[in-house]
Amino acid sequence: MNSTNPPTTDVPADADRSYPISVHAGRDGPLSRWLWLVKWLLVVPHVLMLIPLWIGFCLLSLVALVAIVITGRYPRAIFDFNVGVLRWSWRVGYYSYSALGTDRYPPFTLADVADYPARLDVTYPERLHRGLALVKWLLAIPHLIILGILFGGGGWLSGQAGAEAWTWGGGGLVGLLVLIAAIALTVTGDYPRPLFDIIVGFNRWALRVAGYTALMTDRYPPFRLDLGGDERTTDAASATDAATDTDPSSRPAAHDAAV
């Protein structure tokens, strides 16, 4: 009987560390010291494309809501489209003023681009709770209040109705951190790693909440700031750190990668 207890207690912990909405951001460099000053102009074509896409996102989300209430399933075609809109928005935001994490111009596509440094994926849910779909917006209010402060108050909250809020920023703590990173980049030519990690963490939090309110998962978003570009589980991170500690030759390489 006792031998069966450890697997039972381990499952919730693993599930908590692996959220169905995954957000990845690769450190891309070297970055231009001055390009960030004109990225607002360079993203205009994307903005013009994303506005109708987000209108479609909102309308199709209503269709998905009805389908979930009736059948308990999120129509796969609508799901793939909506994930694509989130994915496209994250790429544009990562390039521009949500992170300034890359100078590689974002591709015009809803599909995943494997070699682009900003990626997003959502695990398709086979079944969703019918009644929960009606109240997710209410359950997400604590998250929305916190994220509204982080991303610039009412502008971020209104953005959830249809604009890719994390793409434009609009102030708040995240906007301030991105500005500090931009100044550091201009002065030193380097994007400070601690700033990168926390900025990506805040964007990951926002995208998880966006996916939850868009009915893409029944898993409530964690009140947790997962730092850095990759969503590693605690076990994987511990194993990597342990390998680095036991192999002195790996330390310079890890340092160079961080720089």
Protein backbone atom coordinates (compact mmCIF):
# COMPACT_ATOMS: atom_id res chain seq x y z
CA MET A 1 0.00 0.00 0.00
CA ASN A 2 2.78 2.43 0.89
CA SER A 3 4.56 1.84 -2.42
CA THR A 4 1.63 3.36 -4.30
CA ASN A 5 1.61 6.60 -2.31
CA PRO A 6 4.58 8.43 -3.89
CA PRO A 7 3.23 8.30 -7.48
CA THR A 8 -0.13 9.56 -6.23
CA THR A 9 1.36 12.57 -4.47
CA ASP A 10 3.76 13.40 -7.31
CA VAL A 11 1.10 13.80 -10.00
CA PRO A 12 -0.43 17.10 -8.81
CA ALA A 13 3.00 18.67 -8.44
CA ASP A 14 4.00 17.74 -12.00
CA ALA A 15 0.66 18.90 -13.36
CA ASP A 16 1.06 22.25 -11.61
CA ARG A 17 4.44 22.82 -13.23
CA SER A 18 3.23 22.04 -16.75
CA TYR A 19 0.60 24.55 -17.83
CA PRO A 20 -1.17 23.80 -21.17
CA ILE A 21 -0.34 27.26 -22.54
CA SER A 22 3.40 27.37 -23.20
CA VAL A 23 5.28 30.56 -24.04
CA HIS A 24 8.90 30.47 -25.18
CA ALA A 25 11.31 33.31 -25.86
CA GLY A 26 14.86 32.84 -27.09
CA ARG A 27 17.56 35.39 -26.39
CA ASP A 28 18.37 36.71 -29.82
CA GLY A 29 21.45 38.74 -30.50
CA PRO A 30 23.30 40.82 -31.07
CA LEU A 31 20.57 43.44 -30.86
CA SER A 32 20.77 46.84 -32.52
CA ARG A 33 21.30 49.74 -30.15
CA TRP A 34 18.94 52.02 -32.06
CA LEU A 35 16.39 49.92 -33.94
CA TRP A 36 13.99 49.95 -30.99
CA LEU A 37 13.39 53.66 -31.62
CA VAL A 38 11.61 52.94 -34.92
CA LYS A 39 9.99 49.58 -34.25
CA TRP A 40 6.68 51.34 -33.63
CA LEU A 41 6.72 52.25 -37.31
CA LEU A 42 7.96 48.88 -38.52
CA VAL A 43 5.10 46.99 -36.84
CA VAL A 44 2.37 49.06 -38.52
CA PRO A 45 1.76 46.41 -41.23
CA HIS A 46 1.28 43.81 -38.49
CA VAL A 47 -1.12 46.08 -36.62
CA LEU A 48 -3.23 46.49 -39.73
CA MET A 49 -3.38 42.71 -40.08
CA LEU A 50 -3.98 41.97 -36.41
CA ILE A 51 -6.95 44.31 -35.98
CA PRO A 52 -9.31 42.24 -38.21
CA LEU A 53 -7.77 39.03 -36.88
CA TRP A 54 -8.66 40.04 -33.32
CA ILE A 55 -12.18 40.96 -34.39
CA GLY A 56 -12.47 37.46 -35.80
CA PHE A 57 -10.92 36.08 -32.60
CA CYS A 58 -13.65 37.68 -30.49
CA LEU A 59 -16.51 36.62 -32.75
CA LEU A 60 -15.25 33.05 -33.05
CA SER A 61 -14.72 32.87 -29.30
CA LEU A 62 -18.45 33.50 -28.89
CA VAL A 63 -19.14 30.66 -31.33
CA ALA A 64 -16.76 28.46 -29.35
CA LEU A 65 -18.55 29.39 -26.12
CA VAL A 66 -21.86 28.17 -27.51
CA ALA A 67 -20.24 24.99 -28.82
CA ILE A 68 -18.59 24.27 -25.46
CA VAL A 69 -21.83 24.80 -23.53
CA ILE A 70 -23.70 22.46 -25.88
CA THR A 71 -21.09 19.80 -26.65
CA GLY A 72 -18.27 20.25 -24.14
CA ARG A 73 -15.76 20.60 -26.98
CA TYR A 74 -13.88 23.54 -28.46
CA PRO A 75 -14.26 23.37 -32.29
CA ARG A 76 -10.78 22.47 -33.52
CA ALA A 77 -10.73 24.85 -36.49
CA ILE A 78 -11.68 27.80 -34.28
CA PHE A 79 -9.17 26.70 -31.66
CA ASP A 80 -6.33 26.59 -34.17
CA PHE A 81 -7.26 30.02 -35.54
CA ASN A 82 -7.44 31.62 -32.09
CA VAL A 83 -4.14 30.07 -31.00
CA GLY A 84 -2.65 31.44 -34.20
CA VAL A 85 -3.83 34.95 -33.37
CA LEU A 86 -2.28 34.72 -29.90
CA ARG A 87 0.91 33.33 -31.42
CA TRP A 88 1.15 36.10 -34.03
CA SER A 89 0.49 38.76 -31.37
CA TRP A 90 3.19 37.33 -29.12
CA ARG A 91 5.74 37.40 -31.94
CA VAL A 92 4.94 41.04 -32.70
CA GLY A 93 4.99 41.95 -29.02
CA TYR A 94 8.31 40.21 -28.48
CA TYR A 95 9.80 42.08 -31.43
CA SER A 96 8.36 45.41 -30.34
CA TYR A 97 7.54 47.03 -27.04
CA SER A 98 6.35 44.11 -24.97
CA ALA A 99 9.90 42.81 -24.73
CA LEU A 100 12.26 44.15 -27.45
CA GLY A 101 13.68 40.64 -27.37
CA THR A 102 14.65 40.29 -31.02
CA ASP A 103 15.43 42.32 -34.12
CA ARG A 104 14.19 39.57 -36.44
CA TYR A 105 11.08 40.86 -38.17
CA PRO A 106 8.00 38.76 -37.27
CA PRO A 107 6.53 36.56 -40.01
CA PHE A 108 3.00 37.19 -41.29
CA THR A 109 1.47 33.85 -40.35
CA LEU A 110 -0.78 32.18 -37.81
CA ALA A 111 1.34 29.05 -37.90
CA ASP A 112 4.15 28.20 -35.56
CA VAL A 113 7.56 29.21 -36.92
CA ALA A 114 10.10 26.86 -35.40
CA ASP A 115 13.16 29.04 -35.94
CA TYR A 116 11.62 32.29 -34.67
CA PRO A 117 12.77 33.20 -31.13
CA ALA A 118 9.23 33.86 -29.80
CA ARG A 119 6.85 30.89 -29.83
CA LEU A 120 3.51 30.00 -28.27
CA ASP A 121 1.56 26.78 -28.19
CA VAL A 122 -1.62 25.59 -26.49
CA THR A 123 -2.47 21.96 -25.85
CA TYR A 124 -5.82 21.16 -27.42
CA PRO A 125 -8.38 20.16 -24.75
CA GLU A 126 -10.35 17.06 -25.64
CA ARG A 127 -13.14 18.02 -23.23
CA LEU A 128 -14.04 21.25 -21.46
CA HIS A 129 -16.42 21.92 -18.57
CA ARG A 130 -19.67 23.27 -19.98
CA GLY A 131 -20.70 25.46 -17.07
CA LEU A 132 -17.22 26.78 -16.34
CA ALA A 133 -17.06 28.36 -19.79
CA LEU A 134 -19.76 30.82 -18.72
CA VAL A 135 -17.87 32.18 -15.71
CA LYS A 136 -14.20 32.12 -16.67
CA TRP A 137 -14.22 35.86 -17.26
CA LEU A 138 -15.39 36.28 -13.67
CA LEU A 139 -12.86 33.86 -12.23
CA ALA A 140 -10.07 35.66 -14.09
CA ILE A 141 -10.79 39.04 -12.47
CA PRO A 142 -8.03 38.72 -9.81
CA HIS A 143 -5.52 38.08 -12.59
CA LEU A 144 -6.91 40.91 -14.73
CA ILE A 145 -6.56 43.41 -11.90
CA ILE A 146 -2.92 42.49 -11.32
CA LEU A 147 -2.10 42.41 -15.02
CA GLY A 148 -3.94 45.68 -15.56
CA ILE A 149 -1.48 47.31 -13.17
CA LEU A 150 1.53 45.57 -14.68
CA PHE A 151 0.60 46.41 -18.28
CA GLY A 152 -0.81 49.89 -17.86
CA GLY A 153 -4.15 50.00 -16.09
CA GLY A 154 -7.43 50.28 -17.96
CA GLY A 155 -5.77 50.12 -21.35
CA TRP A 156 -4.75 46.51 -20.75
CA LEU A 157 -8.16 45.50 -19.38
CA SER A 158 -9.99 47.01 -22.35
CA GLY A 159 -7.48 45.31 -24.62
CA GLN A 160 -8.75 41.93 -23.50
CA ALA A 161 -11.91 42.69 -25.44
CA GLY A 162 -10.05 42.46 -28.69
CA ALA A 163 -6.71 44.22 -28.95
CA GLU A 164 -3.38 42.53 -28.42
CA ALA A 165 -2.61 44.51 -25.25
CA TRP A 166 0.78 42.91 -24.66
CA THR A 167 1.81 44.07 -28.12
CA TRP A 168 1.41 47.79 -27.48
CA GLY A 169 2.29 47.85 -23.79
CA GLY A 170 0.74 51.17 -22.77
CA GLY A 171 2.81 51.83 -19.65
CA GLY A 172 2.67 50.17 -16.30
CA LEU A 173 5.54 48.29 -14.70
CA VAL A 174 6.22 46.19 -17.80
CA GLY A 175 6.45 49.26 -20.01
CA LEU A 176 8.90 50.83 -17.56
CA LEU A 177 11.05 47.69 -17.47
CA VAL A 178 11.13 47.52 -21.28
CA LEU A 179 12.15 51.18 -21.41
CA ILE A 180 14.98 50.53 -18.94
CA ALA A 181 16.10 47.56 -21.04
CA ALA A 182 16.05 49.74 -24.16
CA ILE A 183 18.20 52.40 -22.50
CA ALA A 184 20.63 49.75 -21.27
CA LEU A 185 20.77 48.30 -24.78
CA THR A 186 21.52 51.72 -26.26
CA VAL A 187 24.26 52.49 -23.75
CA THR A 188 25.94 49.09 -23.40
CA GLY A 189 24.81 47.14 -26.46
CA ASP A 190 23.55 44.38 -24.17
CA TYR A 191 20.09 43.39 -22.93
CA PRO A 192 20.41 42.78 -19.16
CA ARG A 193 19.54 39.15 -18.47
CA PRO A 194 17.56 39.79 -15.23
CA LEU A 195 15.35 42.30 -17.06
CA PHE A 196 14.84 39.90 -19.94
CA ASP A 197 13.78 37.10 -17.60
CA ILE A 198 11.24 39.15 -15.65
CA ILE A 199 9.78 40.86 -18.75
CA VAL A 200 9.24 37.51 -20.45
CA GLY A 201 7.75 36.17 -17.22
CA PHE A 202 5.18 38.95 -17.08
CA ASN A 203 4.25 38.39 -20.75
CA ARG A 204 3.93 34.65 -20.12
CA TRP A 205 1.54 35.36 -17.26
CA ALA A 206 -0.57 37.65 -19.47
CA LEU A 207 -0.73 35.12 -22.31
CA ARG A 208 -1.78 32.32 -19.97
CA VAL A 209 -4.64 34.46 -18.67
CA ALA A 210 -5.59 35.44 -22.22
CA GLY A 211 -5.79 31.77 -23.21
CA TYR A 212 -7.83 30.92 -20.14
CA THR A 213 -10.34 33.73 -20.69
CA ALA A 214 -10.53 32.66 -24.34
CA LEU A 215 -11.80 29.28 -23.06
CA MET A 216 -8.77 27.32 -24.34
CA THR A 217 -8.25 25.48 -21.06
CA ASP A 218 -10.03 24.73 -17.81
CA ARG A 219 -6.76 24.89 -15.85
CA TYR A 220 -6.79 28.06 -13.78
CA PRO A 221 -3.67 30.17 -14.47
CA PRO A 222 -1.18 30.01 -11.61
CA PHE A 223 -0.37 33.17 -9.66
CA ARG A 224 3.25 32.55 -10.47
CA LEU A 225 5.95 34.45 -12.31
CA ASP A 226 7.86 31.89 -14.38
CA LEU A 227 11.01 33.73 -15.36
CA GLY A 228 13.15 33.30 -18.46
CA GLY A 229 12.61 32.20 -22.01
CA ASP A 230 11.96 28.50 -21.50
CA GLU A 231 9.27 26.88 -19.38
CA ARG A 232 11.34 24.23 -17.65
CA THR A 233 9.90 22.04 -14.94
CA THR A 234 11.49 22.21 -11.53
CA ASP A 235 12.97 18.74 -11.97
CA ALA A 236 14.54 19.64 -15.32
CA ALA A 237 15.96 22.87 -13.96
CA SER A 238 17.43 21.06 -10.95
CA ALA A 239 19.00 18.43 -13.18
CA THR A 240 20.55 21.10 -15.42
CA ASP A 241 21.91 23.04 -12.45
CA ALA A 242 23.31 19.89 -10.90
CA ALA A 243 25.05 18.95 -14.15
CA THR A 244 26.58 22.42 -14.34
CA ASP A 245 27.83 22.23 -10.75
CA THR A 246 29.45 18.82 -11.24
CA ASP A 247 31.06 19.67 -14.57
CA PRO A 248 33.36 22.68 -14.19
CA SER A 249 34.02 22.78 -17.94
CA SER A 250 30.36 23.62 -18.57
CA ARG A 251 30.41 26.81 -16.50
CA PRO A 252 32.17 29.10 -19.00
CA ALA A 253 29.85 27.92 -21.76
CA ALA A 254 26.81 28.65 -19.61
CA HIS A 255 28.19 32.09 -18.81
CA ASP A 256 28.85 32.85 -22.47
CA ALA A 257 25.34 31.73 -23.40
CA ALA A 258 23.87 34.09 -20.81
CA VAL A 259 25.94 36.99 -22.13
